[in-house]
PDB file of N, CA and C in Angstrom:
ATOM      1  N   MET A   1      47.294  43.312 -14.889  1.00  0.00           N
ATOM      2  CA  MET A   1      46.343  42.934 -13.914  1.00  0.00           C
ATOM      3  C   MET A   1      45.276  44.034 -13.821  1.00  0.00           C
ATOM      4  N   GLY A   2      44.026  43.647 -13.850  1.00  0.00           N
ATOM      5  CA  GLY A   2      42.931  44.606 -13.789  1.00  0.00           C
ATOM      6  C   GLY A   2      42.620  45.040 -12.373  1.00  0.00           C
ATOM      7  N   ALA A   3      41.753  46.030 -12.243  1.00  0.00           N
ATOM      8  CA  ALA A   3      41.369  46.554 -10.947  1.00  0.00           C
ATOM      9  C   ALA A   3      40.700  45.472 -10.085  1.00  0.00           C
ATOM     10  N   HIS A   4      39.875  44.638 -10.725  1.00  0.00           N
ATOM     11  CA  HIS A   4      39.199  43.611  -9.952  1.00  0.00           C
ATOM     12  C   HIS A   4      40.172  42.557  -9.416  1.00  0.00           C
ATOM     13  N   ALA A   5      41.200  42.238 -10.168  1.00  0.00           N
ATOM     14  CA  ALA A   5      42.171  41.255  -9.715  1.00  0.00           C
ATOM     15  C   ALA A   5      42.909  41.763  -8.489  1.00  0.00           C
ATOM     16  N   LEU A   6      43.285  43.042  -8.494  1.00  0.00           N
ATOM     17  CA  LEU A   6      43.956  43.633  -7.324  1.00  0.00           C
ATOM     18  C   LEU A   6      43.018  43.667  -6.132  1.00  0.00           C
ATOM     19  N   GLU A   7      41.785  44.011  -6.369  1.00  0.00           N
ATOM     20  CA  GLU A   7      40.807  44.048  -5.289  1.00  0.00           C
ATOM     21  C   GLU A   7      40.577  42.674  -4.703  1.00  0.00           C
ATOM     22  N   ASP A   8      40.510  41.643  -5.543  1.00  0.00           N
ATOM     23  CA  ASP A   8      40.325  40.288  -5.046  1.00  0.00           C
ATOM     24  C   ASP A   8      41.475  39.801  -4.186  1.00  0.00           C
ATOM     25  N   GLN A   9      42.706  40.273  -4.497  1.00  0.00           N
ATOM     26  CA  GLN A   9      43.865  39.877  -3.693  1.00  0.00           C
ATOM     27  C   GLN A   9      43.777  40.443  -2.284  1.00  0.00           C
ATOM     28  N   HIS A  10      43.232  41.620  -2.138  1.00  0.00           N
ATOM     29  CA  HIS A  10      43.167  42.293  -0.858  1.00  0.00           C
ATOM     30  C   HIS A  10      41.869  41.974  -0.117  1.00  0.00           C
ATOM     31  N   MET A  11      40.915  41.376  -0.767  1.00  0.00           N
ATOM     32  CA  MET A  11      39.622  41.101  -0.168  1.00  0.00           C
ATOM     33  C   MET A  11      39.350  39.593  -0.128  1.00  0.00           C
ATOM     34  N   ALA A  12      40.350  38.829   0.269  1.00  0.00           N
ATOM     35  CA  ALA A  12      40.192  37.371   0.313  1.00  0.00           C
ATOM     36  C   ALA A  12      39.137  36.979   1.313  1.00  0.00           C
ATOM     37  N   LYS A  13      38.249  36.078   0.917  1.00  0.00           N
ATOM     38  CA  LYS A  13      37.224  35.572   1.813  1.00  0.00           C
ATOM     39  C   LYS A  13      37.803  34.436   2.633  1.00  0.00           C
ATOM     40  N   LEU A  14      37.542  34.444   3.900  1.00  0.00           N
ATOM     41  CA  LEU A  14      37.968  33.401   4.810  1.00  0.00           C
ATOM     42  C   LEU A  14      36.734  32.708   5.353  1.00  0.00           C
ATOM     43  N   ILE A  15      36.792  31.388   5.461  1.00  0.00           N
ATOM     44  CA  ILE A  15      35.673  30.620   5.997  1.00  0.00           C
ATOM     45  C   ILE A  15      36.163  29.810   7.202  1.00  0.00           C
ATOM     46  N   GLY A  16      35.386  29.771   8.232  1.00  0.00           N
ATOM     47  CA  GLY A  16      35.748  28.982   9.408  1.00  0.00           C
ATOM     48  C   GLY A  16      34.619  28.965  10.400  1.00  0.00           C
ATOM     49  N   ASN A  17      34.930  28.495  11.598  1.00  0.00           N
ATOM     50  CA  ASN A  17      33.958  28.515  12.699  1.00  0.00           C
ATOM     51  C   ASN A  17      34.179  29.787  13.511  1.00  0.00           C
ATOM     52  N   LEU A  18      33.123  30.234  14.126  1.00  0.00           N
ATOM     53  CA  LEU A  18      33.207  31.287  15.113  1.00  0.00           C
ATOM     54  C   LEU A  18      32.946  30.621  16.443  1.00  0.00           C
ATOM     55  N   ARG A  19      33.944  30.603  17.333  1.00  0.00           N
ATOM     56  CA  ARG A  19      33.777  30.004  18.674  1.00  0.00           C
ATOM     57  C   ARG A  19      33.442  31.115  19.650  1.00  0.00           C
ATOM     58  N   ILE A  20      32.322  30.921  20.347  1.00  0.00           N
ATOM     59  CA  ILE A  20      31.876  31.891  21.324  1.00  0.00           C
ATOM     60  C   ILE A  20      31.885  31.171  22.680  1.00  0.00           C
ATOM     61  N   SER A  21      32.599  31.741  23.647  1.00  0.00           N
ATOM     62  CA  SER A  21      32.753  31.070  24.961  1.00  0.00           C
ATOM     63  C   SER A  21      32.467  32.031  26.093  1.00  0.00           C
ATOM     64  N   ALA A  22      31.882  31.503  27.146  1.00  0.00           N
ATOM     65  CA  ALA A  22      31.739  32.227  28.412  1.00  0.00           C
ATOM     66  C   ALA A  22      33.009  31.937  29.197  1.00  0.00           C
ATOM     67  N   VAL A  23      33.720  32.973  29.607  1.00  0.00           N
ATOM     68  CA  VAL A  23      34.968  32.803  30.342  1.00  0.00           C
ATOM     69  C   VAL A  23      34.722  33.203  31.800  1.00  0.00           C
ATOM     70  N   PRO A  24      34.840  32.272  32.713  1.00  0.00           N
ATOM     71  CA  PRO A  24      34.590  32.612  34.122  1.00  0.00           C
ATOM     72  C   PRO A  24      35.674  33.534  34.672  1.00  0.00           C
ATOM     73  N   GLY A  25      35.343  34.329  35.650  1.00  0.00           N
ATOM     74  CA  GLY A  25      36.309  35.208  36.276  1.00  0.00           C
ATOM     75  C   GLY A  25      37.294  34.426  37.115  1.00  0.00           C
ATOM     76  N   SER A  26      38.509  34.944  37.237  1.00  0.00           N
ATOM     77  CA  SER A  26      39.538  34.310  38.065  1.00  0.00           C
ATOM     78  C   SER A  26      40.621  35.313  38.415  1.00  0.00           C
ATOM     79  N   GLU A  27      41.107  35.234  39.619  1.00  0.00           N
ATOM     80  CA  GLU A  27      42.227  36.023  40.074  1.00  0.00           C
ATOM     81  C   GLU A  27      42.199  37.498  39.585  1.00  0.00           C
ATOM     82  N   GLY A  28      41.173  38.204  39.976  1.00  0.00           N
ATOM     83  CA  GLY A  28      41.100  39.614  39.629  1.00  0.00           C
ATOM     84  C   GLY A  28      40.512  39.912  38.271  1.00  0.00           C
ATOM     85  N   LYS A  29      40.246  38.907  37.461  1.00  0.00           N
ATOM     86  CA  LYS A  29      39.631  39.100  36.158  1.00  0.00           C
ATOM     87  C   LYS A  29      38.137  38.857  36.249  1.00  0.00           C
ATOM     88  N   LYS A  30      37.364  39.746  35.638  1.00  0.00           N
ATOM     89  CA  LYS A  30      35.905  39.603  35.650  1.00  0.00           C
ATOM     90  C   LYS A  30      35.491  38.597  34.616  1.00  0.00           C
ATOM     91  N   PRO A  31      34.362  37.915  34.819  1.00  0.00           N
ATOM     92  CA  PRO A  31      33.847  37.021  33.786  1.00  0.00           C
ATOM     93  C   PRO A  31      33.515  37.823  32.529  1.00  0.00           C
ATOM     94  N   HIS A  32      33.696  37.179  31.379  1.00  0.00           N
ATOM     95  CA  HIS A  32      33.383  37.845  30.110  1.00  0.00           C
ATOM     96  C   HIS A  32      33.120  36.790  29.043  1.00  0.00           C
ATOM     97  N   TYR A  33      32.863  37.233  27.846  1.00  0.00           N
ATOM     98  CA  TYR A  33      32.642  36.374  26.689  1.00  0.00           C
ATOM     99  C   TYR A  33      33.787  36.554  25.727  1.00  0.00           C
ATOM    100  N   ALA A  34      34.253  35.490  25.123  1.00  0.00           N
ATOM    101  CA  ALA A  34      35.297  35.551  24.103  1.00  0.00           C
ATOM    102  C   ALA A  34      34.751  35.029  22.779  1.00  0.00           C
ATOM    103  N   VAL A  35      35.036  35.759  21.699  1.00  0.00           N
ATOM    104  CA  VAL A  35      34.598  35.369  20.363  1.00  0.00           C
ATOM    105  C   VAL A  35      35.859  35.226  19.511  1.00  0.00           C
ATOM    106  N   GLU A  36      36.058  34.046  18.930  1.00  0.00           N
ATOM    107  CA  GLU A  36      37.293  33.792  18.176  1.00  0.00           C
ATOM    108  C   GLU A  36      36.977  33.129  16.832  1.00  0.00           C
ATOM    109  N   PHE A  37      37.641  33.634  15.794  1.00  0.00           N
ATOM    110  CA  PHE A  37      37.515  33.062  14.458  1.00  0.00           C
ATOM    111  C   PHE A  37      38.488  31.911  14.313  1.00  0.00           C
ATOM    112  N   LEU A  38      38.008  30.735  13.871  1.00  0.00           N
ATOM    113  CA  LEU A  38      38.837  29.552  13.692  1.00  0.00           C
ATOM    114  C   LEU A  38      38.744  29.146  12.220  1.00  0.00           C
ATOM    115  N   PRO A  39      39.739  29.533  11.402  1.00  0.00           N
ATOM    116  CA  PRO A  39      39.666  29.235   9.981  1.00  0.00           C
ATOM    117  C   PRO A  39      39.702  27.729   9.709  1.00  0.00           C
ATOM    118  N   TYR A  40      38.989  27.306   8.659  1.00  0.00           N
ATOM    119  CA  TYR A  40      38.989  25.895   8.263  1.00  0.00           C
ATOM    120  C   TYR A  40      40.340  25.475   7.731  1.00  0.00           C
ATOM    121  N   THR A  41      41.014  26.338   6.982  1.00  0.00           N
ATOM    122  CA  THR A  41      42.312  26.010   6.418  1.00  0.00           C
ATOM    123  C   THR A  41      43.328  27.105   6.683  1.00  0.00           C
ATOM    124  N   GLY A  42      44.552  26.741   6.697  1.00  0.00           N
ATOM    125  CA  GLY A  42      45.650  27.717   6.855  1.00  0.00           C
ATOM    126  C   GLY A  42      45.907  28.057   8.300  1.00  0.00           C
ATOM    127  N   ARG A  43      47.030  28.651   8.508  1.00  0.00           N
ATOM    128  CA  ARG A  43      47.431  29.102   9.837  1.00  0.00           C
ATOM    129  C   ARG A  43      47.408  30.616   9.806  1.00  0.00           C
ATOM    130  N   LEU A  44      46.510  31.171  10.571  1.00  0.00           N
ATOM    131  CA  LEU A  44      46.377  32.619  10.646  1.00  0.00           C
ATOM    132  C   LEU A  44      46.559  33.047  12.093  1.00  0.00           C
ATOM    133  N   LYS A  45      47.044  34.261  12.264  1.00  0.00           N
ATOM    134  CA  LYS A  45      47.195  34.794  13.612  1.00  0.00           C
ATOM    135  C   LYS A  45      45.829  35.351  14.007  1.00  0.00           C
ATOM    136  N   THR A  46      45.104  34.550  14.780  1.00  0.00           N
ATOM    137  CA  THR A  46      43.798  34.988  15.235  1.00  0.00           C
ATOM    138  C   THR A  46      43.875  35.431  16.689  1.00  0.00           C
ATOM    139  N   GLN A  47      42.939  36.254  17.095  1.00  0.00           N
ATOM    140  CA  GLN A  47      42.892  36.695  18.462  1.00  0.00           C
ATOM    141  C   GLN A  47      41.417  36.877  18.824  1.00  0.00           C
ATOM    142  N   PRO A  48      41.061  36.589  20.084  1.00  0.00           N
ATOM    143  CA  PRO A  48      39.675  36.690  20.485  1.00  0.00           C
ATOM    144  C   PRO A  48      39.256  38.137  20.719  1.00  0.00           C
ATOM    145  N   ALA A  49      38.010  38.413  20.374  1.00  0.00           N
ATOM    146  CA  ALA A  49      37.394  39.674  20.762  1.00  0.00           C
ATOM    147  C   ALA A  49      36.617  39.369  22.040  1.00  0.00           C
ATOM    148  N   THR A  50      36.469  40.349  22.919  1.00  0.00           N
ATOM    149  CA  THR A  50      35.780  40.084  24.170  1.00  0.00           C
ATOM    150  C   THR A  50      34.604  41.027  24.366  1.00  0.00           C
ATOM    151  N   ALA A  51      33.653  40.529  25.128  1.00  0.00           N
ATOM    152  CA  ALA A  51      32.474  41.305  25.512  1.00  0.00           C
ATOM    153  C   ALA A  51      32.286  41.120  27.016  1.00  0.00           C
ATOM    154  N   GLN A  52      31.963  42.192  27.706  1.00  0.00           N
ATOM    155  CA  GLN A  52      31.872  42.130  29.168  1.00  0.00           C
ATOM    156  C   GLN A  52      30.499  41.712  29.687  1.00  0.00           C
ATOM    157  N   SER A  53      29.451  41.835  28.849  1.00  0.00           N
ATOM    158  CA  SER A  53      28.093  41.498  29.270  1.00  0.00           C
ATOM    159  C   SER A  53      27.349  40.812  28.159  1.00  0.00           C
ATOM    160  N   PHE A  54      26.173  40.299  28.491  1.00  0.00           N
ATOM    161  CA  PHE A  54      25.298  39.671  27.504  1.00  0.00           C
ATOM    162  C   PHE A  54      24.954  40.652  26.392  1.00  0.00           C
ATOM    163  N   ASP A  55      24.569  41.877  26.773  1.00  0.00           N
ATOM    164  CA  ASP A  55      24.242  42.902  25.757  1.00  0.00           C
ATOM    165  C   ASP A  55      25.424  43.266  24.887  1.00  0.00           C
ATOM    166  N   ASP A  56      26.617  43.335  25.507  1.00  0.00           N
ATOM    167  CA  ASP A  56      27.824  43.646  24.736  1.00  0.00           C
ATOM    168  C   ASP A  56      28.120  42.498  23.733  1.00  0.00           C
ATOM    169  N   LEU A  57      27.852  41.235  24.146  1.00  0.00           N
ATOM    170  CA  LEU A  57      28.051  40.108  23.264  1.00  0.00           C
ATOM    171  C   LEU A  57      27.105  40.178  22.060  1.00  0.00           C
ATOM    172  N   VAL A  58      25.857  40.479  22.307  1.00  0.00           N
ATOM    173  CA  VAL A  58      24.893  40.615  21.201  1.00  0.00           C
ATOM    174  C   VAL A  58      25.341  41.727  20.244  1.00  0.00           C
ATOM    175  N   ALA A  59      25.763  42.869  20.816  1.00  0.00           N
ATOM    176  CA  ALA A  59      26.247  43.985  19.989  1.00  0.00           C
ATOM    177  C   ALA A  59      27.487  43.564  19.155  1.00  0.00           C
ATOM    178  N   LEU A  60      28.412  42.835  19.785  1.00  0.00           N
ATOM    179  CA  LEU A  60      29.606  42.394  19.062  1.00  0.00           C
ATOM    180  C   LEU A  60      29.221  41.457  17.915  1.00  0.00           C
ATOM    181  N   LEU A  61      28.302  40.552  18.170  1.00  0.00           N
ATOM    182  CA  LEU A  61      27.881  39.642  17.122  1.00  0.00           C
ATOM    183  C   LEU A  61      27.176  40.349  15.979  1.00  0.00           C
ATOM    184  N   THR A  62      26.377  41.359  16.278  1.00  0.00           N
ATOM    185  CA  THR A  62      25.733  42.125  15.190  1.00  0.00           C
ATOM    186  C   THR A  62      26.776  42.939  14.414  1.00  0.00           C
ATOM    187  N   GLU A  63      27.806  43.408  15.077  1.00  0.00           N
ATOM    188  CA  GLU A  63      28.927  44.092  14.381  1.00  0.00           C
ATOM    189  C   GLU A  63      29.624  43.142  13.425  1.00  0.00           C
ATOM    190  N   LEU A  64      29.575  41.822  13.724  1.00  0.00           N
ATOM    191  CA  LEU A  64      30.172  40.835  12.877  1.00  0.00           C
ATOM    192  C   LEU A  64      29.207  40.414  11.755  1.00  0.00           C
ATOM    193  N   ARG A  65      28.148  41.169  11.574  1.00  0.00           N
ATOM    194  CA  ARG A  65      27.128  40.977  10.551  1.00  0.00           C
ATOM    195  C   ARG A  65      26.323  39.690  10.754  1.00  0.00           C
ATOM    196  N   ILE A  66      26.022  39.417  11.988  1.00  0.00           N
ATOM    197  CA  ILE A  66      25.095  38.344  12.315  1.00  0.00           C
ATOM    198  C   ILE A  66      23.786  39.023  12.645  1.00  0.00           C
ATOM    199  N   GLU A  67      22.676  38.505  12.095  1.00  0.00           N
ATOM    200  CA  GLU A  67      21.352  39.079  12.331  1.00  0.00           C
ATOM    201  C   GLU A  67      21.092  39.169  13.834  1.00  0.00           C
ATOM    202  N   GLU A  68      20.401  40.219  14.253  1.00  0.00           N
ATOM    203  CA  GLU A  68      20.182  40.474  15.674  1.00  0.00           C
ATOM    204  C   GLU A  68      19.446  39.309  16.353  1.00  0.00           C
ATOM    205  N   ASP A  69      18.436  38.742  15.705  1.00  0.00           N
ATOM    206  CA  ASP A  69      17.691  37.617  16.271  1.00  0.00           C
ATOM    207  C   ASP A  69      18.635  36.388  16.494  1.00  0.00           C
ATOM    208  N   GLU A  70      19.460  36.158  15.504  1.00  0.00           N
ATOM    209  CA  GLU A  70      20.415  35.060  15.593  1.00  0.00           C
ATOM    210  C   GLU A  70      21.449  35.336  16.685  1.00  0.00           C
ATOM    211  N   ALA A  71      21.914  36.581  16.758  1.00  0.00           N
ATOM    212  CA  ALA A  71      22.905  36.965  17.782  1.00  0.00           C
ATOM    213  C   ALA A  71      22.323  36.732  19.177  1.00  0.00           C
ATOM    214  N   ASN A  72      21.061  37.075  19.367  1.00  0.00           N
ATOM    215  CA  ASN A  72      20.420  36.861  20.655  1.00  0.00           C
ATOM    216  C   ASN A  72      20.262  35.359  20.964  1.00  0.00           C
ATOM    217  N   ARG A  73      19.969  34.575  19.926  1.00  0.00           N
ATOM    218  CA  ARG A  73      19.867  33.128  20.101  1.00  0.00           C
ATOM    219  C   ARG A  73      21.198  32.522  20.487  1.00  0.00           C
ATOM    220  N   TYR A  74      22.284  32.898  19.769  1.00  0.00           N
ATOM    221  CA  TYR A  74      23.630  32.412  20.131  1.00  0.00           C
ATOM    222  C   TYR A  74      24.014  32.800  21.548  1.00  0.00           C
ATOM    223  N   ALA A  75      23.748  34.062  21.904  1.00  0.00           N
ATOM    224  CA  ALA A  75      24.135  34.531  23.248  1.00  0.00           C
ATOM    225  C   ALA A  75      23.355  33.770  24.319  1.00  0.00           C
ATOM    226  N   GLY A  76      22.099  33.442  24.048  1.00  0.00           N
ATOM    227  CA  GLY A  76      21.314  32.622  24.985  1.00  0.00           C
ATOM    228  C   GLY A  76      21.872  31.228  25.106  1.00  0.00           C
ATOM    229  N   GLN A  77      22.345  30.649  24.016  1.00  0.00           N
ATOM    230  CA  GLN A  77      22.942  29.304  24.063  1.00  0.00           C
ATOM    231  C   GLN A  77      24.199  29.280  24.896  1.00  0.00           C
ATOM    232  N   ILE A  78      24.952  30.373  24.860  1.00  0.00           N
ATOM    233  CA  ILE A  78      26.189  30.470  25.646  1.00  0.00           C
ATOM    234  C   ILE A  78      25.885  30.347  27.140  1.00  0.00           C
ATOM    235  N   ARG A  79      24.816  31.003  27.561  1.00  0.00           N
ATOM    236  CA  ARG A  79      24.443  30.945  28.989  1.00  0.00           C
ATOM    237  C   ARG A  79      24.219  29.514  29.441  1.00  0.00           C
ATOM    238  N   VAL A  80      23.695  28.652  28.569  1.00  0.00           N
ATOM    239  CA  VAL A  80      23.376  27.272  28.912  1.00  0.00           C
ATOM    240  C   VAL A  80      24.560  26.357  28.671  1.00  0.00           C
ATOM    241  N   GLN A  81      25.215  26.480  27.512  1.00  0.00           N
ATOM    242  CA  GLN A  81      26.228  25.532  27.083  1.00  0.00           C
ATOM    243  C   GLN A  81      27.661  25.949  27.387  1.00  0.00           C
ATOM    244  N   GLY A  82      27.923  27.231  27.589  1.00  0.00           N
ATOM    245  CA  GLY A  82      29.278  27.693  27.898  1.00  0.00           C
ATOM    246  C   GLY A  82      30.125  27.984  26.679  1.00  0.00           C
ATOM    247  N   THR A  83      30.058  27.145  25.656  1.00  0.00           N
ATOM    248  CA  THR A  83      30.784  27.369  24.387  1.00  0.00           C
ATOM    249  C   THR A  83      29.943  26.845  23.250  1.00  0.00           C
ATOM    250  N   ILE A  84      29.882  27.591  22.148  1.00  0.00           N
ATOM    251  CA  ILE A  84      29.248  27.118  20.955  1.00  0.00           C
ATOM    252  C   ILE A  84      30.116  27.432  19.745  1.00  0.00           C
ATOM    253  N   LEU A  85      29.907  26.715  18.668  1.00  0.00           N
ATOM    254  CA  LEU A  85      30.563  26.985  17.396  1.00  0.00           C
ATOM    255  C   LEU A  85      29.527  27.409  16.378  1.00  0.00           C
ATOM    256  N   VAL A  86      29.763  28.518  15.712  1.00  0.00           N
ATOM    257  CA  VAL A  86      28.927  28.955  14.614  1.00  0.00           C
ATOM    258  C   VAL A  86      29.659  28.500  13.339  1.00  0.00           C
ATOM    259  N   PRO A  87      29.128  27.512  12.633  1.00  0.00           N
ATOM    260  CA  PRO A  87      29.813  26.979  11.449  1.00  0.00           C
ATOM    261  C   PRO A  87      29.663  27.889  10.218  1.00  0.00           C
ATOM    262  N   ASN A  88      30.532  27.683   9.267  1.00  0.00           N
ATOM    263  CA  ASN A  88      30.485  28.377   7.960  1.00  0.00           C
ATOM    264  C   ASN A  88      30.408  29.896   8.083  1.00  0.00           C
ATOM    265  N   PHE A  89      31.225  30.448   8.993  1.00  0.00           N
ATOM    266  CA  PHE A  89      31.305  31.883   9.162  1.00  0.00           C
ATOM    267  C   PHE A  89      32.261  32.404   8.071  1.00  0.00           C
ATOM    268  N   GLU A  90      31.753  33.189   7.138  1.00  0.00           N
ATOM    269  CA  GLU A  90      32.550  33.666   5.997  1.00  0.00           C
ATOM    270  C   GLU A  90      32.589  35.185   5.974  1.00  0.00           C
ATOM    271  N   ARG A  91      33.777  35.739   6.037  1.00  0.00           N
ATOM    272  CA  ARG A  91      33.979  37.183   5.971  1.00  0.00           C
ATOM    273  C   ARG A  91      35.314  37.452   5.251  1.00  0.00           C
ATOM    274  N   THR A  92      35.514  38.683   4.805  1.00  0.00           N
ATOM    275  CA  THR A  92      36.790  39.029   4.180  1.00  0.00           C
ATOM    276  C   THR A  92      37.857  39.173   5.252  1.00  0.00           C
ATOM    277  N   ASP A  93      39.101  38.944   4.854  1.00  0.00           N
ATOM    278  CA  ASP A  93      40.215  39.085   5.804  1.00  0.00           C
ATOM    279  C   ASP A  93      40.282  40.517   6.340  1.00  0.00           C
ATOM    280  N   SER A  94      40.020  41.510   5.465  1.00  0.00           N
ATOM    281  CA  SER A  94      40.083  42.900   5.920  1.00  0.00           C
ATOM    282  C   SER A  94      39.024  43.191   6.938  1.00  0.00           C
ATOM    283  N   PHE A  95      37.813  42.628   6.784  1.00  0.00           N
ATOM    284  CA  PHE A  95      36.750  42.823   7.777  1.00  0.00           C
ATOM    285  C   PHE A  95      37.143  42.194   9.111  1.00  0.00           C
ATOM    286  N   LEU A  96      37.695  41.003   9.091  1.00  0.00           N
ATOM    287  CA  LEU A  96      38.127  40.330  10.320  1.00  0.00           C
ATOM    288  C   LEU A  96      39.213  41.113  11.005  1.00  0.00           C
ATOM    289  N   LYS A  97      40.099  41.748  10.228  1.00  0.00           N
ATOM    290  CA  LYS A  97      41.144  42.587  10.834  1.00  0.00           C
ATOM    291  C   LYS A  97      40.524  43.823  11.476  1.00  0.00           C
ATOM    292  N   GLU A  98      39.567  44.433  10.790  1.00  0.00           N
ATOM    293  CA  GLU A  98      38.875  45.619  11.340  1.00  0.00           C
ATOM    294  C   GLU A  98      38.210  45.282  12.661  1.00  0.00           C
ATOM    295  N   GLN A  99      37.650  44.084  12.780  1.00  0.00           N
ATOM    296  CA  GLN A  99      36.961  43.651  13.990  1.00  0.00           C
ATOM    297  C   GLN A  99      37.932  43.089  15.023  1.00  0.00           C
ATOM    298  N   LYS A 100      39.225  43.111  14.702  1.00  0.00           N
ATOM    299  CA  LYS A 100      40.302  42.698  15.581  1.00  0.00           C
ATOM    300  C   LYS A 100      40.264  41.190  15.890  1.00  0.00           C
ATOM    301  N   LEU A 101      39.731  40.379  14.952  1.00  0.00           N
ATOM    302  CA  LEU A 101      39.775  38.940  15.092  1.00  0.00           C
ATOM    303  C   LEU A 101      40.969  38.316  14.407  1.00  0.00           C
ATOM    304  N   LEU A 102      41.624  39.100  13.560  1.00  0.00           N
ATOM    305  CA  LEU A 102      42.856  38.697  12.888  1.00  0.00           C
ATOM    306  C   LEU A 102      43.923  39.686  13.241  1.00  0.00           C
ATOM    307  N   GLY A 103      45.140  39.173  13.471  1.00  0.00           N
ATOM    308  CA  GLY A 103      46.274  40.043  13.810  1.00  0.00           C
ATOM    309  C   GLY A 103      46.968  40.614  12.590  1.00  0.00           C
TER     310      GLY A 103
END
């Protein structure tokens, strides 16, 4: 097995939706935003990343390699719609683990 074959095994690309939701505060919890990766296929242990403010949400989305203008547009949609899906979100499994979206 060559070096590229080993690298490909550890750098699997995953495709799915990115669900971004505004979570209202309740019983001592402050309102926040939740960002969760929803793979198109397979069962993966996913977990939401959270942002405490609009600016934190935009920063989180840019850390996920979403262009800043697009991140601002998505964050603005959340204020109006409450939840949105970003389709065809494709990243490596290792990147999603680094961003704590995969367990």
